[in-house]
C-alpha atoms as a PDB file:
ATOM      1  CA  MET A   1       0.482   5.414  12.922  1.00  0.00           C
ATOM      2  CA  ALA A   2      -2.536   3.611  14.340  1.00  0.00           C
ATOM      3  CA  LEU A   3      -5.764   5.574  14.212  1.00  0.00           C
ATOM      4  CA  SER A   4      -7.722   4.955  17.384  1.00  0.00           C
ATOM      5  CA  ALA A   5      -9.992   6.814  19.772  1.00  0.00           C
ATOM      6  CA  CYS A   6     -12.402   6.068  22.583  1.00  0.00           C
ATOM      7  CA  ALA A   7     -14.727   3.157  21.858  1.00  0.00           C
ATOM      8  CA  GLY A   8     -18.470   3.395  22.180  1.00  0.00           C
ATOM      9  CA  SER A   9     -20.016   5.035  19.136  1.00  0.00           C
ATOM     10  CA  PRO A  10     -20.445   3.056  15.900  1.00  0.00           C
ATOM     11  CA  LEU A  11     -17.388   3.025  13.688  1.00  0.00           C
ATOM     12  CA  VAL A  12     -19.652   3.774  10.738  1.00  0.00           C
ATOM     13  CA  PRO A  13     -22.291   6.253  11.914  1.00  0.00           C
ATOM     14  CA  PHE A  14     -25.682   6.463  10.275  1.00  0.00           C
ATOM     15  CA  SER A  15     -25.579   8.835   7.342  1.00  0.00           C
ATOM     16  CA  THR A  16     -27.391   9.422   4.064  1.00  0.00           C
ATOM     17  CA  ASP A  17     -24.508  11.508   2.710  1.00  0.00           C
ATOM     18  CA  THR A  18     -23.050   8.718   0.594  1.00  0.00           C
ATOM     19  CA  PRO A  19     -23.215   7.458  -2.969  1.00  0.00           C
ATOM     20  CA  PRO A  20     -25.191   4.230  -3.447  1.00  0.00           C
ATOM     21  CA  LEU A  21     -22.951   1.327  -2.392  1.00  0.00           C
ATOM     22  CA  ILE A  22     -22.956  -2.438  -2.834  1.00  0.00           C
ATOM     23  CA  LEU A  23     -20.500  -5.074  -1.682  1.00  0.00           C
ATOM     24  CA  VAL A  24     -19.927  -7.489  -4.574  1.00  0.00           C
ATOM     25  CA  PRO A  25     -17.280 -10.071  -5.538  1.00  0.00           C
ATOM     26  CA  ALA A  26     -14.170  -8.416  -6.943  1.00  0.00           C
ATOM     27  CA  ALA A  27     -14.752  -9.725 -10.472  1.00  0.00           C
ATOM     28  CA  GLN A  28     -18.082  -7.904 -10.588  1.00  0.00           C
ATOM     29  CA  ALA A  29     -16.257  -4.663  -9.753  1.00  0.00           C
ATOM     30  CA  GLY A  30     -14.025  -5.049 -12.798  1.00  0.00           C
ATOM     31  CA  VAL A  31     -11.110  -6.501 -10.807  1.00  0.00           C
ATOM     32  CA  GLN A  32      -8.932  -9.086 -12.562  1.00  0.00           C
ATOM     33  CA  ASP A  33      -7.902 -11.859 -10.193  1.00  0.00           C
ATOM     34  CA  LYS A  34      -4.329 -12.883 -11.030  1.00  0.00           C
ATOM     35  CA  ARG A  35      -3.351 -14.251  -7.639  1.00  0.00           C
ATOM     36  CA  GLY A  36      -2.283 -17.549  -9.181  1.00  0.00           C
ATOM     37  CA  ARG A  37       0.422 -16.010 -11.343  1.00  0.00           C
ATOM     38  CA  PHE A  38       1.544 -13.644  -8.606  1.00  0.00           C
ATOM     39  CA  ARG A  39       1.916 -16.574  -6.216  1.00  0.00           C
ATOM     40  CA  GLU A  40       4.131 -18.321  -8.785  1.00  0.00           C
ATOM     41  CA  ILE A  41       6.344 -15.247  -9.076  1.00  0.00           C
ATOM     42  CA  TYR A  42       6.522 -14.500  -5.355  1.00  0.00           C
ATOM     43  CA  CYS A  43       7.241 -18.134  -4.441  1.00  0.00           C
ATOM     44  CA  ALA A  44      10.029 -18.265  -7.016  1.00  0.00           C
ATOM     45  CA  VAL A  45      11.553 -15.040  -5.664  1.00  0.00           C
ATOM     46  CA  LEU A  46      11.391 -16.277  -2.065  1.00  0.00           C
ATOM     47  CA  ALA A  47      13.044 -19.563  -2.998  1.00  0.00           C
ATOM     48  CA  ALA A  48      15.794 -17.813  -4.944  1.00  0.00           C
ATOM     49  CA  ARG A  49      16.624 -15.251  -2.248  1.00  0.00           C
ATOM     50  CA  VAL A  50      17.450 -17.590   0.631  1.00  0.00           C
ATOM     51  CA  GLY A  51      20.438 -16.096   2.456  1.00  0.00           C
ATOM     52  CA  GLU A  52      19.977 -12.798   0.647  1.00  0.00           C
ATOM     53  CA  VAL A  53      16.795 -11.380   2.200  1.00  0.00           C
ATOM     54  CA  ASP A  54      15.940 -11.081   5.887  1.00  0.00           C
ATOM     55  CA  ASP A  55      12.779 -12.424   7.539  1.00  0.00           C
ATOM     56  CA  LEU A  56      12.135 -15.039   4.867  1.00  0.00           C
ATOM     57  CA  ARG A  57       9.044 -17.232   5.250  1.00  0.00           C
ATOM     58  CA  PRO A  58       7.671 -20.194   3.353  1.00  0.00           C
ATOM     59  CA  CYS A  59       5.532 -18.933   0.510  1.00  0.00           C
ATOM     60  CA  ASP A  60       2.329 -20.382   1.959  1.00  0.00           C
ATOM     61  CA  ASP A  61       2.958 -18.365   5.128  1.00  0.00           C
ATOM     62  CA  ALA A  62       3.840 -15.191   3.252  1.00  0.00           C
ATOM     63  CA  LEU A  63       0.497 -15.108   1.435  1.00  0.00           C
ATOM     64  CA  THR A  64      -3.037 -15.692   2.705  1.00  0.00           C
ATOM     65  CA  ARG A  65      -5.358 -17.845   0.613  1.00  0.00           C
ATOM     66  CA  LEU A  66      -8.829 -16.342   0.367  1.00  0.00           C
ATOM     67  CA  GLY A  67     -11.688 -18.331  -1.122  1.00  0.00           C
ATOM     68  CA  THR A  68     -10.854 -20.188  -4.304  1.00  0.00           C
ATOM     69  CA  GLU A  69      -7.575 -18.799  -5.566  1.00  0.00           C
ATOM     70  CA  PRO A  70      -6.977 -19.147  -9.313  1.00  0.00           C
ATOM     71  CA  VAL A  71      -4.373 -21.692 -10.291  1.00  0.00           C
ATOM     72  CA  GLY A  72      -1.060 -20.525 -11.649  1.00  0.00           C
ATOM     73  CA  THR A  73      -0.153 -20.386 -15.305  1.00  0.00           C
ATOM     74  CA  GLY A  74       2.580 -23.014 -15.101  1.00  0.00           C
ATOM     75  CA  GLN A  75       4.921 -20.683 -16.942  1.00  0.00           C
ATOM     76  CA  ALA A  76       8.526 -20.242 -15.903  1.00  0.00           C
ATOM     77  CA  VAL A  77       9.413 -17.247 -13.738  1.00  0.00           C
ATOM     78  CA  PRO A  78      12.330 -15.250 -15.168  1.00  0.00           C
ATOM     79  CA  LEU A  79      14.588 -14.019 -12.377  1.00  0.00           C
ATOM     80  CA  ALA A  80      17.246 -12.310 -14.481  1.00  0.00           C
ATOM     81  CA  ALA A  81      17.772  -8.549 -14.535  1.00  0.00           C
ATOM     82  CA  SER A  82      14.815  -6.436 -15.600  1.00  0.00           C
ATOM     83  CA  ARG A  83      14.687  -5.466 -19.241  1.00  0.00           C
ATOM     84  CA  ARG A  84      12.367  -2.517 -18.776  1.00  0.00           C
ATOM     85  CA  HIS A  85      14.136  -1.176 -15.672  1.00  0.00           C
ATOM     86  CA  LEU A  86      10.984  -0.075 -13.911  1.00  0.00           C
ATOM     87  CA  VAL A  87      11.313   2.784 -11.441  1.00  0.00           C
ATOM     88  CA  ALA A  88       9.085   2.386  -8.385  1.00  0.00           C
ATOM     89  CA  ALA A  89       8.250   5.576  -6.496  1.00  0.00           C
ATOM     90  CA  LEU A  90       6.754   4.934  -3.058  1.00  0.00           C
ATOM     91  CA  VAL A  91       4.290   7.399  -1.531  1.00  0.00           C
ATOM     92  CA  PRO A  92       4.118   6.752   2.235  1.00  0.00           C
ATOM     93  CA  GLY A  93       1.160   6.851   4.595  1.00  0.00           C
ATOM     94  CA  ILE A  94      -0.112   9.328   7.154  1.00  0.00           C
ATOM     95  CA  GLY A  95       2.485  10.766   9.501  1.00  0.00           C
ATOM     96  CA  TYR A  96       5.485   9.051   7.925  1.00  0.00           C
ATOM     97  CA  ASP A  97       7.633  12.155   7.656  1.00  0.00           C
ATOM     98  CA  CYS A  98       7.075  12.767  11.375  1.00  0.00           C
ATOM     99  CA  PHE A  99       8.804   9.559  12.467  1.00  0.00           C
ATOM    100  CA  ALA A 100      11.053   8.716   9.499  1.00  0.00           C
ATOM    101  CA  ARG A 101      14.166  10.113  11.209  1.00  0.00           C
ATOM    102  CA  TRP A 102      13.469   8.006  14.309  1.00  0.00           C
ATOM    103  CA  LEU A 103      12.754   4.932  12.236  1.00  0.00           C
ATOM    104  CA  GLN A 104      15.979   5.236  10.233  1.00  0.00           C
ATOM    105  CA  PRO A 105      14.862   2.821   7.508  1.00  0.00           C
ATOM    106  CA  PRO A 106      17.854   0.793   6.345  1.00  0.00           C
ATOM    107  CA  GLY A 107      17.110   1.156   2.636  1.00  0.00           C
ATOM    108  CA  THR A 108      17.452  -2.580   2.070  1.00  0.00           C
ATOM    109  CA  ALA A 109      14.497  -2.776  -0.322  1.00  0.00           C
ATOM    110  CA  SER A 110      16.036  -0.171  -2.634  1.00  0.00           C
ATOM    111  CA  ALA A 111      19.410  -1.892  -2.543  1.00  0.00           C
ATOM    112  CA  HIS A 112      17.834  -5.288  -3.167  1.00  0.00           C
ATOM    113  CA  VAL A 113      15.767  -4.445  -6.239  1.00  0.00           C
ATOM    114  CA  ARG A 114      18.598  -2.404  -7.724  1.00  0.00           C
ATOM    115  CA  LYS A 115      20.604  -5.613  -8.060  1.00  0.00           C
ATOM    116  CA  TYR A 116      17.952  -6.872 -10.453  1.00  0.00           C
ATOM    117  CA  GLY A 117      17.616  -3.801 -12.635  1.00  0.00           C
ATOM    118  CA  TYR A 118      14.846  -1.949 -10.812  1.00  0.00           C
ATOM    119  CA  GLU A 119      14.880   1.312  -8.905  1.00  0.00           C
ATOM    120  CA  LEU A 120      12.968   2.158  -5.750  1.00  0.00           C
ATOM    121  CA  GLN A 121      12.751   5.689  -4.417  1.00  0.00           C
ATOM    122  CA  ALA A 122      10.428   7.693  -2.200  1.00  0.00           C
ATOM    123  CA  ILE A 123       8.269  10.686  -3.042  1.00  0.00           C
ATOM    124  CA  LYS A 124       8.086  13.145  -0.183  1.00  0.00           C
ATOM    125  CA  VAL A 125       4.566  14.320   0.646  1.00  0.00           C
ATOM    126  CA  ASP A 126       3.131  16.192   3.601  1.00  0.00           C
ATOM    127  CA  ALA A 127       2.711  13.889   6.583  1.00  0.00           C
ATOM    128  CA  LEU A 128      -0.495  15.514   7.835  1.00  0.00           C
ATOM    129  CA  SER A 129      -2.105  17.059   4.740  1.00  0.00           C
ATOM    130  CA  GLY A 130      -5.067  15.803   2.764  1.00  0.00           C
ATOM    131  CA  SER A 131      -4.875  13.759  -0.411  1.00  0.00           C
ATOM    132  CA  THR A 132      -5.616  16.638  -2.779  1.00  0.00           C
ATOM    133  CA  ASN A 133      -2.664  18.613  -1.433  1.00  0.00           C
ATOM    134  CA  ASN A 134      -0.360  15.591  -1.605  1.00  0.00           C
ATOM    135  CA  ALA A 135      -1.521  14.771  -5.119  1.00  0.00           C
ATOM    136  CA  ARG A 136      -0.087  18.110  -6.255  1.00  0.00           C
ATOM    137  CA  GLN A 137       3.225  17.233  -4.614  1.00  0.00           C
ATOM    138  CA  ILE A 138       3.256  13.869  -6.387  1.00  0.00           C
ATOM    139  CA  ARG A 139       2.541  15.636  -9.662  1.00  0.00           C
ATOM    140  CA  ASP A 140       5.469  17.996  -9.162  1.00  0.00           C
ATOM    141  CA  ALA A 141       7.803  15.145  -8.224  1.00  0.00           C
ATOM    142  CA  VAL A 142       6.817  13.080 -11.270  1.00  0.00           C
ATOM    143  CA  MET A 143       7.229  15.987 -13.674  1.00  0.00           C
ATOM    144  CA  ALA A 144      10.690  16.690 -12.253  1.00  0.00           C
ATOM    145  CA  MET A 145      11.938  13.114 -12.812  1.00  0.00           C
ATOM    146  CA  ASP A 146      14.321  12.324 -15.641  1.00  0.00           C
ATOM    147  CA  LEU A 147      12.910   8.986 -16.798  1.00  0.00           C
ATOM    148  CA  GLY A 148      14.569   8.816 -20.199  1.00  0.00           C
ATOM    149  CA  PRO A 149      13.025   8.021 -23.602  1.00  0.00           C
ATOM    150  CA  GLY A 150      10.849   5.078 -24.551  1.00  0.00           C
ATOM    151  CA  ALA A 151       7.859   3.457 -22.902  1.00  0.00           C
ATOM    152  CA  PRO A 152       6.989   4.814 -19.439  1.00  0.00           C
ATOM    153  CA  ARG A 153       8.890   3.084 -16.647  1.00  0.00           C
ATOM    154  CA  LEU A 154       7.485   4.804 -13.556  1.00  0.00           C
ATOM    155  CA  VAL A 155       5.359   2.775 -11.135  1.00  0.00           C
ATOM    156  CA  LEU A 156       3.661   4.851  -8.445  1.00  0.00           C
ATOM    157  CA  VAL A 157       3.322   2.718  -5.319  1.00  0.00           C
ATOM    158  CA  GLY A 158       0.952   4.001  -2.655  1.00  0.00           C
ATOM    159  CA  TYR A 159       1.162   2.652   0.876  1.00  0.00           C
ATOM    160  CA  SER A 160      -1.836   3.191   3.178  1.00  0.00           C
ATOM    161  CA  LYS A 161      -2.981   6.817   2.707  1.00  0.00           C
ATOM    162  CA  GLY A 162      -0.355   7.092  -0.001  1.00  0.00           C
ATOM    163  CA  THR A 163      -2.705   5.158  -2.285  1.00  0.00           C
ATOM    164  CA  PRO A 164      -5.530   7.735  -2.325  1.00  0.00           C
ATOM    165  CA  ASP A 165      -2.837  10.398  -2.706  1.00  0.00           C
ATOM    166  CA  VAL A 166      -1.584   8.579  -5.809  1.00  0.00           C
ATOM    167  CA  LEU A 167      -5.061   8.017  -7.226  1.00  0.00           C
ATOM    168  CA  GLU A 168      -5.920  11.695  -6.855  1.00  0.00           C
ATOM    169  CA  ALA A 169      -2.654  12.611  -8.579  1.00  0.00           C
ATOM    170  CA  ILE A 170      -3.476  10.408 -11.562  1.00  0.00           C
ATOM    171  CA  VAL A 171      -7.007  11.791 -11.869  1.00  0.00           C
ATOM    172  CA  ASN A 172      -6.397  15.452 -11.011  1.00  0.00           C
ATOM    173  CA  HIS A 173      -3.186  15.884 -13.011  1.00  0.00           C
ATOM    174  CA  PRO A 174      -3.551  14.175 -16.408  1.00  0.00           C
ATOM    175  CA  GLU A 175      -0.214  15.604 -17.559  1.00  0.00           C
ATOM    176  CA  ILE A 176       1.613  12.897 -15.581  1.00  0.00           C
ATOM    177  CA  ARG A 177      -0.205   9.930 -17.126  1.00  0.00           C
ATOM    178  CA  SER A 178       2.113   9.591 -20.113  1.00  0.00           C
ATOM    179  CA  ARG A 179       5.034   9.248 -17.692  1.00  0.00           C
ATOM    180  CA  VAL A 180       3.409   6.590 -15.472  1.00  0.00           C
ATOM    181  CA  ALA A 181       3.345   2.930 -16.464  1.00  0.00           C
ATOM    182  CA  ALA A 182       1.274   1.732 -13.515  1.00  0.00           C
ATOM    183  CA  VAL A 183       0.015   2.408 -10.017  1.00  0.00           C
ATOM    184  CA  VAL A 184       0.166  -0.129  -7.190  1.00  0.00           C
ATOM    185  CA  SER A 185      -1.758  -0.135  -3.924  1.00  0.00           C
ATOM    186  CA  LEU A 186       0.137  -1.661  -0.981  1.00  0.00           C
ATOM    187  CA  ALA A 187      -2.266  -1.976   1.952  1.00  0.00           C
ATOM    188  CA  GLY A 188      -3.904   1.062   0.419  1.00  0.00           C
ATOM    189  CA  ALA A 189      -6.741   2.930   2.107  1.00  0.00           C
ATOM    190  CA  VAL A 190      -8.624   3.007  -1.190  1.00  0.00           C
ATOM    191  CA  GLY A 191     -12.021   3.015   0.503  1.00  0.00           C
ATOM    192  CA  GLY A 192     -10.744   4.737   3.630  1.00  0.00           C
ATOM    193  CA  SER A 193     -10.732   3.347   7.145  1.00  0.00           C
ATOM    194  CA  PRO A 194     -13.630   3.365   9.616  1.00  0.00           C
ATOM    195  CA  LEU A 195     -11.062   4.144  12.322  1.00  0.00           C
ATOM    196  CA  ALA A 196     -10.835   7.636  10.845  1.00  0.00           C
ATOM    197  CA  ASN A 197     -14.503   8.252  11.603  1.00  0.00           C
ATOM    198  CA  GLU A 198     -13.836   8.617  15.310  1.00  0.00           C
ATOM    199  CA  ALA A 199     -10.358  10.107  15.015  1.00  0.00           C
ATOM    200  CA  GLU A 200      -9.654  13.837  14.862  1.00  0.00           C
ATOM    201  CA  GLN A 201      -6.875  15.721  13.133  1.00  0.00           C
ATOM    202  CA  TYR A 202      -5.469  16.994  16.436  1.00  0.00           C
ATOM    203  CA  GLN A 203      -4.650  13.380  17.337  1.00  0.00           C
ATOM    204  CA  ALA A 204      -2.631  12.934  14.154  1.00  0.00           C
ATOM    205  CA  ASP A 205      -1.042  16.319  14.794  1.00  0.00           C
ATOM    206  CA  LEU A 206       0.523  14.911  17.964  1.00  0.00           C
ATOM    207  CA  LEU A 207       2.990  13.145  15.656  1.00  0.00           C
ATOM    208  CA  ARG A 208       4.707  16.520  15.222  1.00  0.00           C
ATOM    209  CA  HIS A 209       6.083  15.962  18.732  1.00  0.00           C
ATOM    210  CA  PHE A 210       7.547  12.532  17.906  1.00  0.00           C
ATOM    211  CA  PRO A 211      11.282  12.355  18.723  1.00  0.00           C
ATOM    212  CA  GLY A 212      13.201  13.938  15.850  1.00  0.00           C
ATOM    213  CA  ALA A 213      10.046  14.918  13.949  1.00  0.00           C
ATOM    214  CA  THR A 214      10.442  17.662  11.352  1.00  0.00           C
ATOM    215  CA  CYS A 215       6.913  17.546   9.927  1.00  0.00           C
ATOM    216  CA  ASP A 216       4.374  20.335  10.185  1.00  0.00           C
ATOM    217  CA  SER A 217       0.577  20.411  10.255  1.00  0.00           C
ATOM    218  CA  GLY A 218       0.246  20.928   6.513  1.00  0.00           C
ATOM    219  CA  ASP A 219      -3.321  21.690   5.517  1.00  0.00           C
ATOM    220  CA  GLY A 220      -4.668  19.594   8.391  1.00  0.00           C
ATOM    221  CA  GLY A 221      -6.686  17.307   6.118  1.00  0.00           C
ATOM    222  CA  ALA A 222      -5.029  13.914   6.565  1.00  0.00           C
ATOM    223  CA  VAL A 223      -7.611  12.276   8.833  1.00  0.00           C
ATOM    224  CA  ALA A 224     -10.575  13.608   6.857  1.00  0.00           C
ATOM    225  CA  SER A 225      -9.004  12.152   3.686  1.00  0.00           C
ATOM    226  CA  LEU A 226      -9.170   8.695   5.258  1.00  0.00           C
ATOM    227  CA  ARG A 227     -12.857   8.717   6.193  1.00  0.00           C
ATOM    228  CA  PRO A 228     -14.804   6.129   4.172  1.00  0.00           C
ATOM    229  CA  ALA A 229     -17.520   8.603   3.170  1.00  0.00           C
ATOM    230  CA  VAL A 230     -14.857  10.908   1.705  1.00  0.00           C
ATOM    231  CA  ARG A 231     -13.014   8.190  -0.149  1.00  0.00           C
ATOM    232  CA  ARG A 232     -16.122   6.507  -1.543  1.00  0.00           C
ATOM    233  CA  ALA A 233     -17.619   9.791  -2.687  1.00  0.00           C
ATOM    234  CA  TRP A 234     -14.345  10.593  -4.423  1.00  0.00           C
ATOM    235  CA  LEU A 235     -14.248   7.185  -6.138  1.00  0.00           C
ATOM    236  CA  ALA A 236     -17.864   7.614  -7.288  1.00  0.00           C
ATOM    237  CA  GLN A 237     -17.086  10.981  -8.848  1.00  0.00           C
ATOM    238  CA  ASN A 238     -13.631  10.231 -10.273  1.00  0.00           C
ATOM    239  CA  PRO A 239     -13.271   7.165 -12.488  1.00  0.00           C
ATOM    240  CA  LEU A 240      -9.667   6.157 -12.887  1.00  0.00           C
ATOM    241  CA  PRO A 241      -8.099   6.540 -16.357  1.00  0.00           C
ATOM    242  CA  ALA A 242      -7.935   3.291 -18.315  1.00  0.00           C
ATOM    243  CA  SER A 243      -4.576   4.325 -19.773  1.00  0.00           C
ATOM    244  CA  VAL A 244      -2.775   3.663 -16.464  1.00  0.00           C
ATOM    245  CA  ALA A 245      -2.637   0.042 -15.298  1.00  0.00           C
ATOM    246  CA  ALA A 246      -3.579  -0.447 -11.646  1.00  0.00           C
ATOM    247  CA  TYR A 247      -2.640  -3.274  -9.271  1.00  0.00           C
ATOM    248  CA  SER A 248      -3.669  -4.102  -5.709  1.00  0.00           C
ATOM    249  CA  VAL A 249      -1.733  -5.915  -2.964  1.00  0.00           C
ATOM    250  CA  VAL A 250      -3.908  -6.452   0.112  1.00  0.00           C
ATOM    251  CA  THR A 251      -2.745  -7.079   3.669  1.00  0.00           C
ATOM    252  CA  LEU A 252      -4.913  -9.773   5.238  1.00  0.00           C
ATOM    253  CA  PRO A 253      -3.011 -11.305   8.156  1.00  0.00           C
ATOM    254  CA  GLN A 254      -3.975 -14.323  10.164  1.00  0.00           C
ATOM    255  CA  PRO A 255      -4.942 -12.996  13.632  1.00  0.00           C
ATOM    256  CA  GLU A 256      -1.723 -14.306  15.171  1.00  0.00           C
ATOM    257  CA  ARG A 257       0.283 -12.251  12.647  1.00  0.00           C
ATOM    258  CA  ILE A 258      -0.928  -8.922  14.032  1.00  0.00           C
ATOM    259  CA  SER A 259       1.544  -7.143  16.332  1.00  0.00           C
ATOM    260  CA  SER A 260       0.452  -6.765  19.939  1.00  0.00           C
ATOM    261  CA  ILE A 261       0.342  -2.962  19.739  1.00  0.00           C
ATOM    262  CA  LEU A 262      -2.089  -3.164  16.823  1.00  0.00           C
ATOM    263  CA  ARG A 263      -4.502  -5.738  18.210  1.00  0.00           C
ATOM    264  CA  SER A 264      -6.826  -3.213  19.835  1.00  0.00           C
ATOM    265  CA  SER A 265      -7.391  -1.381  16.533  1.00  0.00           C
ATOM    266  CA  ALA A 266      -7.787  -4.731  14.750  1.00  0.00           C
ATOM    267  CA  ASP A 267     -10.440  -5.711  17.291  1.00  0.00           C
ATOM    268  CA  LYS A 268     -12.163  -2.370  16.829  1.00  0.00           C
ATOM    269  CA  LEU A 269     -12.318  -2.846  13.060  1.00  0.00           C
ATOM    270  CA  GLY A 270     -13.444  -6.392  13.783  1.00  0.00           C
ATOM    271  CA  ARG A 271     -16.769  -4.953  14.918  1.00  0.00           C
ATOM    272  CA  ILE A 272     -17.323  -4.415  11.183  1.00  0.00           C
ATOM    273  CA  ASP A 273     -15.192  -7.219   9.729  1.00  0.00           C
ATOM    274  CA  PRO A 274     -12.396  -9.224  11.406  1.00  0.00           C
ATOM    275  CA  ARG A 275     -10.641  -9.549   8.060  1.00  0.00           C
ATOM    276  CA  ASN A 276      -8.515  -6.461   8.480  1.00  0.00           C
ATOM    277  CA  ASP A 277      -4.828  -5.579   8.882  1.00  0.00           C
ATOM    278  CA  SER A 278      -5.423  -3.475  12.044  1.00  0.00           C
ATOM    279  CA  GLN A 279      -5.976  -0.264  10.047  1.00  0.00           C
ATOM    280  CA  VAL A 280      -7.953  -1.104   6.893  1.00  0.00           C
ATOM    281  CA  ILE A 281     -10.570  -3.764   6.076  1.00  0.00           C
ATOM    282  CA  PHE A 282      -9.485  -6.130   3.321  1.00  0.00           C
ATOM    283  CA  TYR A 283     -12.114  -5.109   0.772  1.00  0.00           C
ATOM    284  CA  ASP A 284     -11.297  -1.409   1.196  1.00  0.00           C
ATOM    285  CA  GLN A 285      -7.748  -1.984  -0.094  1.00  0.00           C
ATOM    286  CA  VAL A 286      -8.612  -2.894  -3.700  1.00  0.00           C
ATOM    287  CA  ILE A 287      -8.560  -0.280  -6.454  1.00  0.00           C
ATOM    288  CA  PRO A 288     -11.722  -0.608  -8.577  1.00  0.00           C
ATOM    289  CA  GLY A 289     -10.905  -2.067 -11.976  1.00  0.00           C
ATOM    290  CA  SER A 290      -7.395  -3.066 -10.904  1.00  0.00           C
ATOM    291  CA  THR A 291      -5.546  -6.370 -11.098  1.00  0.00           C
ATOM    292  CA  LEU A 292      -5.545  -8.191  -7.763  1.00  0.00           C
ATOM    293  CA  LEU A 293      -2.114  -9.667  -7.037  1.00  0.00           C
ATOM    294  CA  GLY A 294      -2.595 -11.269  -3.655  1.00  0.00           C
ATOM    295  CA  TYR A 295      -3.445 -11.190   0.017  1.00  0.00           C
ATOM    296  CA  VAL A 296      -0.346 -10.789   2.163  1.00  0.00           C
ATOM    297  CA  ASN A 297      -0.118 -12.461   5.586  1.00  0.00           C
ATOM    298  CA  ALA A 298       1.191  -9.337   7.326  1.00  0.00           C
ATOM    299  CA  ASP A 299      -0.313  -6.529   9.364  1.00  0.00           C
ATOM    300  CA  HIS A 300      -0.516  -2.936   8.207  1.00  0.00           C
ATOM    301  CA  TRP A 301       2.930  -1.949   9.452  1.00  0.00           C
ATOM    302  CA  ALA A 302       4.809  -5.151   8.649  1.00  0.00           C
ATOM    303  CA  ILE A 303       4.371  -4.883   4.903  1.00  0.00           C
ATOM    304  CA  VAL A 304       6.395  -1.646   4.606  1.00  0.00           C
ATOM    305  CA  VAL A 305       7.635  -0.217   7.923  1.00  0.00           C
ATOM    306  CA  PRO A 306      10.726  -2.074   9.304  1.00  0.00           C
ATOM    307  CA  ILE A 307      10.347  -1.013  12.938  1.00  0.00           C
ATOM    308  CA  ALA A 308      11.686  -4.203  14.513  1.00  0.00           C
ATOM    309  CA  ARG A 309      14.836  -4.162  12.382  1.00  0.00           C
ATOM    310  CA  THR A 310      15.956  -0.751  13.599  1.00  0.00           C
ATOM    311  CA  HIS A 311      14.437  -0.850  17.112  1.00  0.00           C
ATOM    312  CA  GLU A 312      14.789  -4.389  18.382  1.00  0.00           C
ATOM    313  CA  ARG A 313      13.546  -3.746  21.924  1.00  0.00           C
ATOM    314  CA  ILE A 314      10.377  -2.052  20.712  1.00  0.00           C
ATOM    315  CA  GLY A 315       9.951  -4.879  18.264  1.00  0.00           C
ATOM    316  CA  SER A 316      10.201  -7.540  20.955  1.00  0.00           C
ATOM    317  CA  LEU A 317       7.745  -5.768  23.263  1.00  0.00           C
ATOM    318  CA  PHE A 318       5.193  -4.091  21.022  1.00  0.00           C
ATOM    319  CA  VAL A 319       5.721  -4.574  17.283  1.00  0.00           C
ATOM    320  CA  THR A 320       5.878  -8.312  17.747  1.00  0.00           C
ATOM    321  CA  GLN A 321       4.903  -9.399  14.212  1.00  0.00           C
ATOM    322  CA  ASN A 322       6.891  -6.880  12.196  1.00  0.00           C
ATOM    323  CA  ALA A 323       9.207  -9.377  10.511  1.00  0.00           C
ATOM    324  CA  TYR A 324       8.326  -9.798   6.841  1.00  0.00           C
ATOM    325  CA  PRO A 325      10.399 -10.303   3.644  1.00  0.00           C
ATOM    326  CA  ARG A 326       9.517  -6.882   2.223  1.00  0.00           C
ATOM    327  CA  GLU A 327      12.435  -6.864  -0.190  1.00  0.00           C
ATOM    328  CA  ALA A 328      11.275 -10.082  -1.839  1.00  0.00           C
ATOM    329  CA  LEU A 329       7.697  -8.822  -1.975  1.00  0.00           C
ATOM    330  CA  ILE A 330       8.681  -5.591  -3.745  1.00  0.00           C
ATOM    331  CA  GLU A 331      10.788  -7.543  -6.214  1.00  0.00           C
ATOM    332  CA  ALA A 332       7.887  -9.910  -6.926  1.00  0.00           C
ATOM    333  CA  VAL A 333       5.448  -7.034  -7.418  1.00  0.00           C
ATOM    334  CA  LEU A 334       7.771  -5.299  -9.891  1.00  0.00           C
ATOM    335  CA  ARG A 335       8.405  -8.539 -11.780  1.00  0.00           C
ATOM    336  CA  PHE A 336       4.660  -9.171 -12.043  1.00  0.00           C
ATOM    337  CA  VAL A 337       3.961  -5.618 -13.213  1.00  0.00           C
ATOM    338  CA  GLU A 338       6.738  -5.800 -15.804  1.00  0.00           C
ATOM    339  CA  GLU A 339       5.435  -9.100 -17.168  1.00  0.00           C
ATOM    340  CA  ASP A 340       1.818  -7.944 -17.188  1.00  0.00           C
ATOM    341  CA  LEU A 341       2.584  -4.650 -18.917  1.00  0.00           C
ATOM    342  CA  ALA A 342       4.429  -6.559 -21.644  1.00  0.00           C
ATOM    343  CA  ALA A 343       1.435  -8.871 -22.082  1.00  0.00           C
ATOM    344  CA  ARG A 344      -0.822  -5.826 -22.468  1.00  0.00           C
ATOM    345  CA  GLY A 345       1.529  -4.322 -25.046  1.00  0.00           C
ATOM    346  CA  LYS A 346       2.162  -1.286 -22.862  1.00  0.00           C
END
């Protein structure tokens, strides 16, 4: 849920307890910019799924153009069933297990991609524990999966805090790398969120009292795991293995695409940079050395959490920009990853 606290103090307090940092263009951080090809794939999926997927938008409204976007390849976009049958395993963000029963997600994304030869499942992690704890849970879940012989088919998809959980799993538990084809950040808190600097764990712990919540306090490290100083120190000390391909999907909504309930946190982050999704600044969502797929015109919740579909009244009053063609986006991401892995010979 939204991380927010009383305004007043700087979102990023003065501190010398940080590795040396520099903000540079993505290419200078080893990021491959393949937005042009991803746009081709996503636009083709959106056009082909009219009448099949809810909340469809024109492609130019589904993605945000940032700077000079590379042109597409001009190659055809295959939309037949997957040959590799990738299995996407989604690791959710902070607090998800506390409100999942209330949310009652319809499972439409899983059903949609299954029609085209992919699988989408969830990995259960502690809602309120730190990333190191959750990384162990991801490790155990991956090792327990029956993925069959041949090239690895598992794609670990981290949403929000789920991304640092996934990255720690890949680094801390090398035994899973041979089973993982790729990792994907969806609105990932790769560099943390300044909102976590003035939030405390007891505020996140209030989610245990959400209607129908079954979560517990875990190790109490969730909020600390999201602080930028923690995440950047971890990235500085833990280079990601080159053997696992990494991809980044960034949420960068136009201001009018941010739900009313999230505008205050977006404004708060705007004191640092208005280019945020209400929870994470756009440059903090990119995995170093990854392939950048695109900037999505959706706020932090809209990209994954279908609140308005299962709670229409709340959607109309508070989560006013929650409609997004998530099913088509997941399909496009998996099609891009499958194509790119083949091109790399992986």
